[in-house]
């Protein structure tokens, strides 16, 4: 069985992006008082939730090893 070695960028890119989106969403929700800040917070917090739901519930049983 051949194993492929991934670079640090390939491993950490999406977790860092999701973490930054979550931080932006939480800070925006904390300091905004309606308008664009609430929309930004909703979007930034919905993206990680959507990705988590997609990979958590839409995974086929064959993908689990």
PDB file of N, CA and C in Angstrom:
ATOM      1  N   UNK A   1       0.839  -1.175   0.000  1.00  0.00           N
ATOM      2  CA  UNK A   1       0.000   0.000   0.000  1.00  0.00           C
ATOM      3  C   UNK A   1       0.885   1.241   0.000  1.00  0.00           C
ATOM      4  N   UNK A   2       0.690   2.089  -0.978  1.00  0.00           N
ATOM      5  CA  UNK A   2       1.481   3.307  -1.101  1.00  0.00           C
ATOM      6  C   UNK A   2       0.784   4.440  -0.348  1.00  0.00           C
ATOM      7  N   UNK A   3       1.522   5.105   0.510  1.00  0.00           N
ATOM      8  CA  UNK A   3       0.962   6.242   1.241  1.00  0.00           C
ATOM      9  C   UNK A   3       1.543   7.530   0.684  1.00  0.00           C
ATOM     10  N   UNK A   4       0.687   8.514   0.560  1.00  0.00           N
ATOM     11  CA  UNK A   4       1.107   9.808   0.033  1.00  0.00           C
ATOM     12  C   UNK A   4       1.341  10.765   1.200  1.00  0.00           C
ATOM     13  N   UNK A   5       2.463  11.437   1.188  1.00  0.00           N
ATOM     14  CA  UNK A   5       2.773  12.402   2.247  1.00  0.00           C
ATOM     15  C   UNK A   5       2.232  13.765   1.843  1.00  0.00           C
ATOM     16  N   UNK A   6       1.408  14.337   2.710  1.00  0.00           N
ATOM     17  CA  UNK A   6       0.818  15.640   2.448  1.00  0.00           C
ATOM     18  C   UNK A   6       1.639  16.735   3.113  1.00  0.00           C
ATOM     19  N   UNK A   7       1.659  17.893   2.487  1.00  0.00           N
ATOM     20  CA  UNK A   7       2.378  19.023   3.073  1.00  0.00           C
ATOM     21  C   UNK A   7       1.546  19.635   4.202  1.00  0.00           C
ATOM     22  N   UNK A   8       2.191  20.447   5.006  1.00  0.00           N
ATOM     23  CA  UNK A   8       1.485  21.118   6.098  1.00  0.00           C
ATOM     24  C   UNK A   8       0.372  22.015   5.565  1.00  0.00           C
ATOM     25  N   UNK A   9       0.598  22.642   4.427  1.00  0.00           N
ATOM     26  CA  UNK A   9      -0.425  23.500   3.835  1.00  0.00           C
ATOM     27  C   UNK A   9      -1.648  22.690   3.443  1.00  0.00           C
ATOM     28  N   UNK A  10      -1.437  21.532   2.860  1.00  0.00           N
ATOM     29  CA  UNK A  10      -2.565  20.695   2.457  1.00  0.00           C
ATOM     30  C   UNK A  10      -3.357  20.193   3.663  1.00  0.00           C
ATOM     31  N   UNK A  11      -2.691  19.977   4.760  1.00  0.00           N
ATOM     32  CA  UNK A  11      -3.360  19.469   5.960  1.00  0.00           C
ATOM     33  C   UNK A  11      -4.113  20.581   6.684  1.00  0.00           C
ATOM     34  N   UNK A  12      -3.521  21.757   6.821  1.00  0.00           N
ATOM     35  CA  UNK A  12      -4.051  22.803   7.685  1.00  0.00           C
ATOM     36  C   UNK A  12      -4.830  23.906   6.980  1.00  0.00           C
ATOM     37  N   UNK A  13      -4.888  23.919   5.659  1.00  0.00           N
ATOM     38  CA  UNK A  13      -5.518  25.026   4.948  1.00  0.00           C
ATOM     39  C   UNK A  13      -6.989  25.188   5.320  1.00  0.00           C
ATOM     40  N   UNK A  14      -7.791  24.162   5.169  1.00  0.00           N
ATOM     41  CA  UNK A  14      -9.231  24.287   5.438  1.00  0.00           C
ATOM     42  C   UNK A  14      -9.566  24.455   6.913  1.00  0.00           C
ATOM     43  N   UNK A  15      -8.904  23.776   7.846  1.00  0.00           N
ATOM     44  CA  UNK A  15      -9.183  24.079   9.253  1.00  0.00           C
ATOM     45  C   UNK A  15      -8.877  25.534   9.631  1.00  0.00           C
ATOM     46  N   UNK A  16      -7.814  26.098   9.074  1.00  0.00           N
ATOM     47  CA  UNK A  16      -7.484  27.498   9.362  1.00  0.00           C
ATOM     48  C   UNK A  16      -8.532  28.424   8.755  1.00  0.00           C
ATOM     49  N   UNK A  17      -8.952  28.152   7.512  1.00  0.00           N
ATOM     50  CA  UNK A  17      -9.989  28.979   6.876  1.00  0.00           C
ATOM     51  C   UNK A  17     -11.283  28.933   7.680  1.00  0.00           C
ATOM     52  N   UNK A  18     -11.692  27.749   8.108  1.00  0.00           N
ATOM     53  CA  UNK A  18     -12.919  27.631   8.899  1.00  0.00           C
ATOM     54  C   UNK A  18     -12.779  28.311  10.262  1.00  0.00           C
ATOM     55  N   UNK A  19     -11.607  28.244  10.851  1.00  0.00           N
ATOM     56  CA  UNK A  19     -11.373  28.932  12.119  1.00  0.00           C
ATOM     57  C   UNK A  19     -11.427  30.440  11.978  1.00  0.00           C
ATOM     58  N   UNK A  20     -10.851  30.962  10.910  1.00  0.00           N
ATOM     59  CA  UNK A  20     -10.894  32.407  10.664  1.00  0.00           C
ATOM     60  C   UNK A  20     -12.328  32.852  10.399  1.00  0.00           C
ATOM     61  N   UNK A  21     -13.068  32.088   9.599  1.00  0.00           N
ATOM     62  CA  UNK A  21     -14.473  32.436   9.355  1.00  0.00           C
ATOM     63  C   UNK A  21     -15.281  32.434  10.646  1.00  0.00           C
ATOM     64  N   UNK A  22     -15.052  31.447  11.496  1.00  0.00           N
ATOM     65  CA  UNK A  22     -15.760  31.378  12.776  1.00  0.00           C
ATOM     66  C   UNK A  22     -15.410  32.572  13.659  1.00  0.00           C
ATOM     67  N   UNK A  23     -14.139  32.924  13.722  1.00  0.00           N
ATOM     68  CA  UNK A  23     -13.722  34.067  14.544  1.00  0.00           C
ATOM     69  C   UNK A  23     -14.332  35.367  14.024  1.00  0.00           C
ATOM     70  N   UNK A  24     -14.322  35.561  12.704  1.00  0.00           N
ATOM     71  CA  UNK A  24     -14.920  36.764  12.126  1.00  0.00           C
ATOM     72  C   UNK A  24     -16.412  36.802  12.435  1.00  0.00           C
ATOM     73  N   UNK A  25     -17.066  35.672  12.293  1.00  0.00           N
ATOM     74  CA  UNK A  25     -18.503  35.617  12.572  1.00  0.00           C
ATOM     75  C   UNK A  25     -18.833  35.915  14.021  1.00  0.00           C
ATOM     76  N   UNK A  26     -18.055  35.358  14.946  1.00  0.00           N
ATOM     77  CA  UNK A  26     -18.323  35.597  16.367  1.00  0.00           C
ATOM     78  C   UNK A  26     -18.058  37.047  16.766  1.00  0.00           C
ATOM     79  N   UNK A  27     -16.964  37.621  16.278  1.00  0.00           N
ATOM     80  CA  UNK A  27     -16.662  39.023  16.598  1.00  0.00           C
ATOM     81  C   UNK A  27     -17.688  39.946  15.965  1.00  0.00           C
ATOM     82  N   UNK A  28     -18.084  39.647  14.747  1.00  0.00           N
ATOM     83  CA  UNK A  28     -19.096  40.459  14.069  1.00  0.00           C
ATOM     84  C   UNK A  28     -20.439  40.388  14.793  1.00  0.00           C
ATOM     85  N   UNK A  29     -20.808  39.216  15.245  1.00  0.00           N
ATOM     86  CA  UNK A  29     -22.067  39.071  15.978  1.00  0.00           C
ATOM     87  C   UNK A  29     -22.015  39.796  17.320  1.00  0.00           C
ATOM     88  N   UNK A  30     -20.846  39.811  17.934  1.00  0.00           N
ATOM     89  CA  UNK A  30     -20.706  40.452  19.234  1.00  0.00           C
ATOM     90  C   UNK A  30     -20.784  41.970  19.138  1.00  0.00           C
ATOM     91  N   UNK A  31     -20.177  42.548  18.116  1.00  0.00           N
ATOM     92  CA  UNK A  31     -20.069  43.995  18.043  1.00  0.00           C
ATOM     93  C   UNK A  31     -21.048  44.672  17.096  1.00  0.00           C
ATOM     94  N   UNK A  32     -21.781  43.915  16.289  1.00  0.00           N
ATOM     95  CA  UNK A  32     -22.692  44.564  15.348  1.00  0.00           C
ATOM     96  C   UNK A  32     -24.032  44.851  16.010  1.00  0.00           C
ATOM     97  N   UNK A  33     -24.704  45.839  15.459  1.00  0.00           N
ATOM     98  CA  UNK A  33     -26.015  46.212  15.979  1.00  0.00           C
ATOM     99  C   UNK A  33     -26.989  46.294  14.805  1.00  0.00           C
ATOM    100  N   UNK A  34     -27.119  45.173  14.092  1.00  0.00           N
ATOM    101  CA  UNK A  34     -28.022  45.129  12.948  1.00  0.00           C
ATOM    102  C   UNK A  34     -27.310  45.447  11.655  1.00  0.00           C
ATOM    103  N   UNK A  35     -27.993  45.249  10.571  1.00  0.00           N
ATOM    104  CA  UNK A  35     -27.458  45.587   9.262  1.00  0.00           C
ATOM    105  C   UNK A  35     -26.438  44.601   8.760  1.00  0.00           C
ATOM    106  N   UNK A  36     -25.393  45.144   8.123  1.00  0.00           N
ATOM    107  CA  UNK A  36     -24.394  44.319   7.465  1.00  0.00           C
ATOM    108  C   UNK A  36     -23.656  43.394   8.438  1.00  0.00           C
ATOM    109  N   UNK A  37     -23.423  43.839   9.650  1.00  0.00           N
ATOM    110  CA  UNK A  37     -22.707  43.016  10.629  1.00  0.00           C
ATOM    111  C   UNK A  37     -23.435  41.732  10.950  1.00  0.00           C
ATOM    112  N   UNK A  38     -24.749  41.795  11.061  1.00  0.00           N
ATOM    113  CA  UNK A  38     -25.522  40.586  11.325  1.00  0.00           C
ATOM    114  C   UNK A  38     -25.517  39.640  10.128  1.00  0.00           C
ATOM    115  N   UNK A  39     -25.573  40.203   8.932  1.00  0.00           N
ATOM    116  CA  UNK A  39     -25.510  39.373   7.729  1.00  0.00           C
ATOM    117  C   UNK A  39     -24.140  38.705   7.626  1.00  0.00           C
ATOM    118  N   UNK A  40     -23.086  39.461   7.889  1.00  0.00           N
ATOM    119  CA  UNK A  40     -21.733  38.909   7.855  1.00  0.00           C
ATOM    120  C   UNK A  40     -21.574  37.802   8.898  1.00  0.00           C
ATOM    121  N   UNK A  41     -22.071  38.040  10.099  1.00  0.00           N
ATOM    122  CA  UNK A  41     -21.979  37.029  11.152  1.00  0.00           C
ATOM    123  C   UNK A  41     -22.753  35.771  10.778  1.00  0.00           C
ATOM    124  N   UNK A  42     -23.940  35.945  10.241  1.00  0.00           N
ATOM    125  CA  UNK A  42     -24.734  34.789   9.846  1.00  0.00           C
ATOM    126  C   UNK A  42     -24.059  33.965   8.772  1.00  0.00           C
ATOM    127  N   UNK A  43     -23.498  34.638   7.774  1.00  0.00           N
ATOM    128  CA  UNK A  43     -22.803  33.920   6.699  1.00  0.00           C
ATOM    129  C   UNK A  43     -21.559  33.219   7.223  1.00  0.00           C
ATOM    130  N   UNK A  44     -20.732  33.957   7.982  1.00  0.00           N
ATOM    131  CA  UNK A  44     -19.475  33.385   8.466  1.00  0.00           C
ATOM    132  C   UNK A  44     -19.686  32.223   9.430  1.00  0.00           C
ATOM    133  N   UNK A  45     -20.786  32.221  10.162  1.00  0.00           N
ATOM    134  CA  UNK A  45     -21.063  31.115  11.075  1.00  0.00           C
ATOM    135  C   UNK A  45     -21.817  29.978  10.395  1.00  0.00           C
ATOM    136  N   UNK A  46     -22.511  30.271   9.311  1.00  0.00           N
ATOM    137  CA  UNK A  46     -23.252  29.222   8.604  1.00  0.00           C
ATOM    138  C   UNK A  46     -22.330  28.354   7.746  1.00  0.00           C
ATOM    139  N   UNK A  47     -21.257  28.915   7.239  1.00  0.00           N
ATOM    140  CA  UNK A  47     -20.351  28.151   6.370  1.00  0.00           C
ATOM    141  C   UNK A  47     -19.724  26.963   7.110  1.00  0.00           C
ATOM    142  N   UNK A  48     -19.120  27.140   8.295  1.00  0.00           N
ATOM    143  CA  UNK A  48     -18.571  25.968   8.995  1.00  0.00           C
ATOM    144  C   UNK A  48     -19.639  24.952   9.396  1.00  0.00           C
ATOM    145  N   UNK A  49     -20.813  25.441   9.770  1.00  0.00           N
ATOM    146  CA  UNK A  49     -21.904  24.518  10.122  1.00  0.00           C
ATOM    147  C   UNK A  49     -22.322  23.713   8.895  1.00  0.00           C
ATOM    148  N   UNK A  50     -22.471  24.382   7.770  1.00  0.00           N
ATOM    149  CA  UNK A  50     -22.849  23.688   6.537  1.00  0.00           C
ATOM    150  C   UNK A  50     -21.816  22.656   6.118  1.00  0.00           C
ATOM    151  N   UNK A  51     -20.546  23.008   6.219  1.00  0.00           N
ATOM    152  CA  UNK A  51     -19.489  22.065   5.852  1.00  0.00           C
ATOM    153  C   UNK A  51     -19.471  20.881   6.818  1.00  0.00           C
ATOM    154  N   UNK A  52     -19.674  21.152   8.099  1.00  0.00           N
ATOM    155  CA  UNK A  52     -19.730  20.060   9.078  1.00  0.00           C
ATOM    156  C   UNK A  52     -20.899  19.129   8.833  1.00  0.00           C
ATOM    157  N   UNK A  53     -22.047  19.693   8.513  1.00  0.00           N
ATOM    158  CA  UNK A  53     -23.208  18.860   8.195  1.00  0.00           C
ATOM    159  C   UNK A  53     -22.972  18.047   6.929  1.00  0.00           C
ATOM    160  N   UNK A  54     -22.394  18.677   5.927  1.00  0.00           N
ATOM    161  CA  UNK A  54     -22.131  17.984   4.664  1.00  0.00           C
ATOM    162  C   UNK A  54     -21.215  16.765   4.889  1.00  0.00           C
ATOM    163  N   UNK A  55     -20.112  16.971   5.571  1.00  0.00           N
ATOM    164  CA  UNK A  55     -19.173  15.867   5.758  1.00  0.00           C
ATOM    165  C   UNK A  55     -19.616  14.910   6.860  1.00  0.00           C
ATOM    166  N   UNK A  56     -20.496  15.338   7.740  1.00  0.00           N
ATOM    167  CA  UNK A  56     -20.979  14.456   8.793  1.00  0.00           C
ATOM    168  C   UNK A  56     -22.137  13.584   8.378  1.00  0.00           C
ATOM    169  N   UNK A  57     -23.093  14.137   7.654  1.00  0.00           N
ATOM    170  CA  UNK A  57     -24.301  13.390   7.306  1.00  0.00           C
ATOM    171  C   UNK A  57     -24.311  12.866   5.884  1.00  0.00           C
ATOM    172  N   UNK A  58     -23.612  13.504   4.979  1.00  0.00           N
ATOM    173  CA  UNK A  58     -23.669  13.089   3.585  1.00  0.00           C
ATOM    174  C   UNK A  58     -22.592  12.068   3.222  1.00  0.00           C
ATOM    175  N   UNK A  59     -21.823  11.653   4.174  1.00  0.00           N
ATOM    176  CA  UNK A  59     -20.764  10.686   3.897  1.00  0.00           C
ATOM    177  C   UNK A  59     -21.379   9.312   3.631  1.00  0.00           C
ATOM    178  N   UNK A  60     -20.901   8.669   2.602  1.00  0.00           N
ATOM    179  CA  UNK A  60     -21.364   7.329   2.282  1.00  0.00           C
ATOM    180  C   UNK A  60     -20.732   6.328   3.238  1.00  0.00           C
ATOM    181  N   UNK A  61     -21.414   5.236   3.557  1.00  0.00           N
ATOM    182  CA  UNK A  61     -20.838   4.232   4.478  1.00  0.00           C
ATOM    183  C   UNK A  61     -19.526   3.636   3.976  1.00  0.00           C
ATOM    184  N   UNK A  62     -19.283   3.624   2.666  1.00  0.00           N
ATOM    185  CA  UNK A  62     -18.042   3.062   2.122  1.00  0.00           C
ATOM    186  C   UNK A  62     -16.834   3.906   2.454  1.00  0.00           C
ATOM    187  N   UNK A  63     -17.043   5.208   2.769  1.00  0.00           N
ATOM    188  CA  UNK A  63     -15.925   6.116   3.016  1.00  0.00           C
ATOM    189  C   UNK A  63     -15.285   5.922   4.390  1.00  0.00           C
ATOM    190  N   UNK A  64     -15.970   5.245   5.291  1.00  0.00           N
ATOM    191  CA  UNK A  64     -15.438   5.064   6.645  1.00  0.00           C
ATOM    192  C   UNK A  64     -14.490   3.876   6.626  1.00  0.00           C
ATOM    193  N   UNK A  65     -13.266   4.096   7.123  1.00  0.00           N
ATOM    194  CA  UNK A  65     -12.287   3.007   7.136  1.00  0.00           C
ATOM    195  C   UNK A  65     -11.925   2.675   8.544  1.00  0.00           C
TER     196      UNK A  65
END
